């Protein structure tokens, strides 16, 4: 058996009728695909799956069939929850505004994750966080352990999960096993070309979004001899464009393509004073996780993020300055050790 936790997962699901599958407030391709795969698996096991996320699904994820089954305001009954793709309770701001937080704490809870962070979800019954390129990979291994039947849709979504977080099997976190799993899925009928076509079709953007992207590109700031690229997105823009596309995702990859740039940071400033930062690094500059941890965030060495609550009353310019200074120190360490 690959994971010792697999039997505990099996027992909890067997003794449950309604299973709530939960994503954090920052859904991405891995979390949504993992949730959709689990939905299929739980249904095949004769249980009733319910998909939940406290925010609306971002437009760029709506290429995955089933995204519209994710409920935003669930307050019904369930016997078991499964949290996917995070081990941090801080990523569930929406729970504080609903009755669901107390319900989650009173029922068994499974956490399935792959991030290199400690579990701080206090009500987790089973914590299964394993070295993997994506949570979908963890779900696949558990399914193999338990001889669960994976229908075509479940296999397709596991493949979507792995391809998303591995950037098409080219990220540094991609392991031989990640590639083997994709091979096994393809052998069983999953078409990577069909999955990619789904994604590309939804990547088409309106002329308004293209013009807005141009505005963002012109606002990029460079620091530390151009090694750090920064964009700041205000609340009015978040409110206007987020329903169709995450503004930071429009430009963050372009920011990394600037000559001499090692790290891109996209700040978003919310109406309530909350600050979030998305961090992306180029190959060989594995500091995103360390930078995020400095602000009590987390993620991968090359892709990470953090948030600062309004209650902390930190001025944004102070946060921005501290972030750039910390990133510069981390980059200097890499330079000195080269």
Protein backbone atom coordinates (compact mmCIF):
# COMPACT_ATOMS: atom_id res chain seq x y z
CA UNK A 1 0.00 0.00 0.00
CA UNK A 2 1.35 3.42 -0.99
CA UNK A 3 -0.17 5.44 1.86
CA UNK A 4 -0.91 4.20 5.40
CA UNK A 5 -3.78 6.71 5.57
CA UNK A 6 -5.66 4.99 2.73
CA UNK A 7 -7.47 2.56 5.04
CA UNK A 8 -8.60 5.41 7.29
CA UNK A 9 -9.93 7.26 4.26
CA UNK A 10 -11.78 4.12 3.16
CA UNK A 11 -13.36 3.57 6.58
CA UNK A 12 -14.58 7.15 6.90
CA UNK A 13 -16.17 7.14 3.45
CA UNK A 14 -17.76 3.72 4.00
CA UNK A 15 -19.48 5.01 7.14
CA UNK A 16 -20.79 8.15 5.45
CA UNK A 17 -23.73 8.81 3.17
CA UNK A 18 -23.24 12.47 2.20
CA UNK A 19 -19.69 13.64 1.52
CA UNK A 20 -18.87 17.35 1.28
CA UNK A 21 -15.85 18.01 -0.96
CA UNK A 22 -14.31 21.36 -0.02
CA UNK A 23 -11.97 23.73 -1.87
CA UNK A 24 -10.29 26.74 -0.28
CA UNK A 25 -11.06 30.33 -1.25
CA UNK A 26 -8.27 30.32 -3.85
CA UNK A 27 -9.41 27.56 -6.22
CA UNK A 28 -7.06 26.61 -9.03
CA UNK A 29 -6.83 23.90 -11.68
CA UNK A 30 -5.59 21.30 -9.22
CA UNK A 31 -8.19 21.96 -6.52
CA UNK A 32 -11.16 22.01 -8.92
CA UNK A 33 -10.00 18.96 -10.90
CA UNK A 34 -9.29 17.05 -7.69
CA UNK A 35 -12.73 17.92 -6.32
CA UNK A 36 -14.41 16.82 -9.54
CA UNK A 37 -12.45 13.55 -9.56
CA UNK A 38 -13.47 12.86 -5.96
CA UNK A 39 -17.07 13.64 -6.85
CA UNK A 40 -17.00 10.83 -9.42
CA UNK A 41 -15.22 8.42 -7.06
CA UNK A 42 -17.59 9.08 -4.15
CA UNK A 43 -20.60 8.62 -6.45
CA UNK A 44 -19.21 5.32 -7.75
CA UNK A 45 -18.90 4.19 -4.12
CA UNK A 46 -22.64 4.69 -3.69
CA UNK A 47 -22.38 7.89 -1.69
CA UNK A 48 -23.78 11.37 -2.37
CA UNK A 49 -21.04 13.93 -3.14
CA UNK A 50 -21.53 17.68 -2.66
CA UNK A 51 -19.01 20.16 -4.07
CA UNK A 52 -18.34 23.36 -2.13
CA UNK A 53 -16.18 26.47 -2.47
CA UNK A 54 -16.81 29.71 -0.63
CA UNK A 55 -16.23 31.89 -3.69
CA UNK A 56 -17.38 31.81 -7.30
CA UNK A 57 -15.30 29.68 -9.63
CA UNK A 58 -12.88 31.90 -11.59
CA UNK A 59 -13.69 32.21 -15.26
CA UNK A 60 -10.43 30.62 -16.37
CA UNK A 61 -11.41 27.33 -14.66
CA UNK A 62 -14.75 26.96 -16.38
CA UNK A 63 -13.32 24.78 -19.13
CA UNK A 64 -13.71 21.80 -16.78
CA UNK A 65 -17.10 20.11 -17.13
CA UNK A 66 -18.80 20.10 -13.75
CA UNK A 67 -17.46 23.42 -12.44
CA UNK A 68 -21.06 24.66 -12.20
CA UNK A 69 -21.91 21.93 -9.67
CA UNK A 70 -19.71 23.62 -7.07
CA UNK A 71 -21.97 25.24 -4.47
CA UNK A 72 -21.07 28.55 -2.88
CA UNK A 73 -23.70 28.79 -0.14
CA UNK A 74 -24.07 25.23 1.11
CA UNK A 75 -25.62 24.93 4.58
CA UNK A 76 -27.12 21.45 4.34
CA UNK A 77 -26.33 18.22 6.14
CA UNK A 78 -23.31 16.01 5.49
CA UNK A 79 -21.55 13.15 7.26
CA UNK A 80 -17.96 13.68 6.16
CA UNK A 81 -15.91 16.45 4.58
CA UNK A 82 -12.87 16.08 2.33
CA UNK A 83 -10.69 19.18 1.97
CA UNK A 84 -8.56 19.16 -1.18
CA UNK A 85 -5.34 20.94 -2.11
CA UNK A 86 -4.67 22.85 1.10
CA UNK A 87 -3.62 22.24 4.69
CA UNK A 88 -4.18 25.80 5.86
CA UNK A 89 -7.30 27.00 7.63
CA UNK A 90 -6.29 30.59 6.81
CA UNK A 91 -7.44 30.01 3.22
CA UNK A 92 -11.08 29.68 4.29
CA UNK A 93 -12.16 33.26 4.97
CA UNK A 94 -15.61 32.50 3.60
CA UNK A 95 -16.26 29.99 6.38
CA UNK A 96 -16.25 32.75 8.97
CA UNK A 97 -19.29 34.25 7.23
CA UNK A 98 -21.30 31.02 7.14
CA UNK A 99 -22.59 28.34 9.47
CA UNK A 100 -20.42 25.76 7.74
CA UNK A 101 -17.29 26.25 9.86
CA UNK A 102 -18.91 24.86 12.99
CA UNK A 103 -20.43 21.99 11.04
CA UNK A 104 -17.04 21.04 9.59
CA UNK A 105 -15.48 20.98 13.04
CA UNK A 106 -18.18 18.64 14.36
CA UNK A 107 -17.92 16.00 11.62
CA UNK A 108 -15.04 13.76 10.45
CA UNK A 109 -12.73 15.53 8.02
CA UNK A 110 -10.15 14.21 5.56
CA UNK A 111 -7.43 16.53 4.24
CA UNK A 112 -5.81 15.57 0.93
CA UNK A 113 -2.90 17.78 -0.08
CA UNK A 114 0.55 17.85 -1.66
CA UNK A 115 2.02 21.16 -0.44
CA UNK A 116 5.13 21.03 1.73
CA UNK A 117 3.48 22.67 4.74
CA UNK A 118 2.33 21.57 8.17
CA UNK A 119 -1.33 20.85 8.76
CA UNK A 120 -3.06 23.65 10.64
CA UNK A 121 -6.64 22.54 10.06
CA UNK A 122 -7.46 21.75 13.70
CA UNK A 123 -10.50 19.57 13.03
CA UNK A 124 -8.81 17.22 10.51
CA UNK A 125 -9.47 13.57 11.34
CA UNK A 126 -7.18 12.16 8.65
CA UNK A 127 -4.33 14.23 7.24
CA UNK A 128 -2.86 12.85 4.01
CA UNK A 129 -0.30 15.31 2.63
CA UNK A 130 2.21 13.55 0.38
CA UNK A 131 5.12 14.54 -1.89
CA UNK A 132 3.41 14.86 -5.26
CA UNK A 133 3.14 17.37 -8.05
CA UNK A 134 -0.63 17.72 -7.54
CA UNK A 135 -3.42 16.62 -5.24
CA UNK A 136 -4.84 14.61 -8.12
CA UNK A 137 -1.76 12.41 -7.91
CA UNK A 138 -2.49 11.73 -4.22
CA UNK A 139 -6.10 10.83 -5.07
CA UNK A 140 -4.91 8.46 -7.78
CA UNK A 141 -2.56 6.64 -5.41
CA UNK A 142 -5.29 6.26 -2.78
CA UNK A 143 -7.60 4.88 -5.46
CA UNK A 144 -4.97 2.34 -6.46
CA UNK A 145 -4.42 1.39 -2.81
CA UNK A 146 -8.13 0.75 -2.30
CA UNK A 147 -8.95 -0.73 -5.73
CA UNK A 148 -11.49 2.01 -6.34
CA UNK A 149 -13.04 2.08 -9.79
CA UNK A 150 -12.09 5.20 -11.71
CA UNK A 151 -14.55 6.03 -14.47
CA UNK A 152 -13.45 7.99 -17.51
CA UNK A 153 -14.46 11.35 -16.05
CA UNK A 154 -12.55 10.72 -12.81
CA UNK A 155 -9.43 9.73 -14.75
CA UNK A 156 -9.74 12.79 -17.00
CA UNK A 157 -9.99 15.12 -14.03
CA UNK A 158 -7.00 13.49 -12.29
CA UNK A 159 -5.05 14.07 -15.49
CA UNK A 160 -6.26 17.71 -15.56
CA UNK A 161 -5.07 18.13 -11.99
CA UNK A 162 -1.60 16.78 -12.66
CA UNK A 163 -1.16 18.62 -15.96
CA UNK A 164 -2.30 21.88 -14.33
CA UNK A 165 0.04 21.91 -11.33
CA UNK A 166 2.97 20.42 -13.25
CA UNK A 167 2.61 23.03 -16.03
CA UNK A 168 2.29 20.19 -18.52
CA UNK A 169 4.80 17.88 -16.78
CA UNK A 170 7.66 20.40 -17.00
CA UNK A 171 7.70 21.93 -13.50
CA UNK A 172 10.56 21.10 -11.14
CA UNK A 173 8.08 19.32 -8.86
CA UNK A 174 7.22 16.79 -11.56
CA UNK A 175 8.45 13.34 -10.50
CA UNK A 176 8.89 10.17 -12.56
CA UNK A 177 5.77 8.83 -10.83
CA UNK A 178 3.79 11.86 -12.03
CA UNK A 179 4.68 11.00 -15.61
CA UNK A 180 3.96 7.31 -15.06
CA UNK A 181 0.48 8.12 -13.74
CA UNK A 182 -0.29 10.24 -16.80
CA UNK A 183 0.92 7.34 -18.95
CA UNK A 184 -1.38 4.93 -17.11
CA UNK A 185 -4.33 7.29 -17.56
CA UNK A 186 -3.64 7.67 -21.27
CA UNK A 187 -3.42 3.88 -21.60
CA UNK A 188 -6.91 3.71 -20.10
CA UNK A 189 -8.37 6.11 -22.63
CA UNK A 190 -7.74 9.64 -21.37
CA UNK A 191 -6.95 12.01 -24.25
CA UNK A 192 -4.51 14.75 -23.28
CA UNK A 193 -5.21 16.56 -26.56
CA UNK A 194 -8.93 16.74 -25.72
CA UNK A 195 -8.17 18.09 -22.25
CA UNK A 196 -5.83 20.70 -23.68
CA UNK A 197 -8.39 21.70 -26.30
CA UNK A 198 -10.98 22.23 -23.53
CA UNK A 199 -8.55 24.50 -21.74
CA UNK A 200 -7.49 26.46 -24.81
CA UNK A 201 -11.06 27.13 -25.91
CA UNK A 202 -11.81 28.86 -22.62
CA UNK A 203 -8.55 30.81 -22.70
CA UNK A 204 -10.01 32.95 -25.47
CA UNK A 205 -10.50 36.44 -24.06
CA UNK A 206 -12.83 39.29 -24.89
CA UNK A 207 -11.42 42.41 -26.57
CA UNK A 208 -12.09 44.25 -23.30
CA UNK A 209 -9.87 41.81 -21.39
CA UNK A 210 -7.12 42.08 -24.00
CA UNK A 211 -7.15 45.88 -23.67
CA UNK A 212 -7.09 45.60 -19.87
CA UNK A 213 -4.14 43.22 -20.09
CA UNK A 214 -2.32 45.86 -22.10
CA UNK A 215 -2.98 48.41 -19.36
CA UNK A 216 -1.64 46.03 -16.71
CA UNK A 217 1.52 45.34 -18.71
CA UNK A 218 2.22 49.07 -18.87
CA UNK A 219 1.89 49.34 -15.08
CA UNK A 220 4.46 46.69 -14.18
CA UNK A 221 7.18 47.99 -11.85
CA UNK A 222 10.71 46.59 -11.69
CA UNK A 223 12.98 46.47 -8.65
CA UNK A 224 16.38 45.12 -7.60
CA UNK A 225 18.06 45.59 -11.00
CA UNK A 226 14.91 44.32 -12.77
CA UNK A 227 15.08 40.97 -10.97
CA UNK A 228 11.69 41.58 -9.34
CA UNK A 229 8.58 42.47 -11.35
CA UNK A 230 5.53 43.79 -9.47
CA UNK A 231 1.96 44.58 -10.45
CA UNK A 232 -0.66 46.11 -8.12
CA UNK A 233 -4.34 45.45 -8.80
CA UNK A 234 -6.92 47.66 -7.12
CA UNK A 235 -10.34 46.64 -5.80
CA UNK A 236 -12.25 48.35 -8.62
CA UNK A 237 -10.43 46.17 -11.16
CA UNK A 238 -10.96 43.01 -9.11
CA UNK A 239 -14.68 43.78 -8.93
CA UNK A 240 -14.94 44.56 -12.64
CA UNK A 241 -12.90 41.73 -14.18
CA UNK A 242 -12.70 38.79 -11.74
CA UNK A 243 -16.01 37.30 -12.89
CA UNK A 244 -14.43 36.60 -16.27
CA UNK A 245 -10.71 36.24 -15.46
CA UNK A 246 -8.34 36.59 -12.51
CA UNK A 247 -6.54 39.88 -13.28
CA UNK A 248 -3.20 38.73 -11.85
CA UNK A 249 -3.25 35.61 -14.05
CA UNK A 250 -3.58 37.81 -17.14
CA UNK A 251 -0.02 39.10 -16.79
CA UNK A 252 2.00 37.18 -14.22
CA UNK A 253 3.55 34.80 -16.74
CA UNK A 254 4.42 37.69 -19.06
CA UNK A 255 6.08 39.42 -16.12
CA UNK A 256 8.43 36.46 -15.67
CA UNK A 257 9.46 36.68 -19.32
CA UNK A 258 11.14 40.08 -18.91
CA UNK A 259 14.87 39.90 -19.50
CA UNK A 260 16.71 39.74 -16.19
CA UNK A 261 13.55 39.10 -14.15
CA UNK A 262 13.63 36.20 -11.69
CA UNK A 263 10.41 36.64 -9.75
CA UNK A 264 6.97 38.12 -10.42
CA UNK A 265 4.66 39.34 -7.64
CA UNK A 266 1.03 40.32 -8.20
CA UNK A 267 -0.64 42.20 -5.33
CA UNK A 268 -4.41 42.53 -5.07
CA UNK A 269 -5.95 45.13 -2.76
CA UNK A 270 -9.47 44.39 -1.51
CA UNK A 271 -12.20 46.75 -0.32
CA UNK A 272 -11.96 45.51 3.27
CA UNK A 273 -8.23 46.27 3.42
CA UNK A 274 -7.14 42.69 2.81
CA UNK A 275 -3.96 42.25 0.75
CA UNK A 276 -3.10 39.14 -1.26
CA UNK A 277 0.02 38.35 -3.23
CA UNK A 278 0.59 35.76 -5.94
CA UNK A 279 4.26 34.81 -6.43
CA UNK A 280 5.84 33.09 -9.42
CA UNK A 281 9.55 32.36 -9.96
CA UNK A 282 11.58 31.34 -12.96
CA UNK A 283 13.47 28.04 -13.13
CA UNK A 284 16.42 27.86 -10.75
CA UNK A 285 15.00 30.59 -8.48
CA UNK A 286 13.08 28.47 -5.98
CA UNK A 287 12.23 31.18 -3.44
CA UNK A 288 8.45 31.62 -3.80
CA UNK A 289 7.65 29.38 -0.84
CA UNK A 290 10.21 31.05 1.42
CA UNK A 291 8.95 34.51 0.47
CA UNK A 292 5.35 33.51 1.16
CA UNK A 293 6.26 31.94 4.52
CA UNK A 294 7.75 35.26 5.61
CA UNK A 295 4.17 36.58 5.50
CA UNK A 296 2.63 33.38 6.93
CA UNK A 297 1.65 32.15 3.49
CA UNK A 298 2.72 29.04 1.66
CA UNK A 299 2.82 27.02 -1.53
CA UNK A 300 5.47 25.65 -3.85
CA UNK A 301 9.10 26.73 -4.33
CA UNK A 302 8.18 28.27 -7.70
CA UNK A 303 4.53 29.24 -7.13
CA UNK A 304 3.17 30.50 -3.87
CA UNK A 305 1.22 33.27 -2.20
CA UNK A 306 0.11 34.97 0.98
CA UNK A 307 -2.61 37.18 2.38
CA UNK A 308 -2.62 39.83 5.06
CA UNK A 309 -5.85 40.63 6.85
CA UNK A 310 -7.19 44.12 7.29
CA UNK A 311 -7.16 43.67 11.07
CA UNK A 312 -3.38 43.77 10.99
CA UNK A 313 -3.63 47.42 9.84
CA UNK A 314 -0.49 47.35 7.78
CA UNK A 315 -0.27 49.95 5.07
CA UNK A 316 0.08 48.42 1.65
CA UNK A 317 3.20 50.38 0.77
CA UNK A 318 4.89 48.97 3.89
CA UNK A 319 3.91 45.42 2.90
CA UNK A 320 5.11 45.98 -0.65
CA UNK A 321 8.44 47.40 0.54
CA UNK A 322 8.99 44.53 2.99
CA UNK A 323 8.12 41.97 0.31
CA UNK A 324 10.56 43.46 -2.19
CA UNK A 325 13.32 43.68 0.42
CA UNK A 326 12.80 40.05 1.50
CA UNK A 327 12.73 38.87 -2.13
CA UNK A 328 15.95 40.79 -2.82
CA UNK A 329 17.68 39.12 0.14
CA UNK A 330 16.57 35.68 -1.04
CA UNK A 331 17.77 36.41 -4.57
CA UNK A 332 21.13 37.65 -3.22
CA UNK A 333 21.59 34.39 -1.31
CA UNK A 334 21.11 32.43 -4.53
CA UNK A 335 23.56 34.75 -6.31
CA UNK A 336 26.18 34.44 -3.54
CA UNK A 337 25.91 30.63 -3.57
CA UNK A 338 26.16 30.33 -7.34
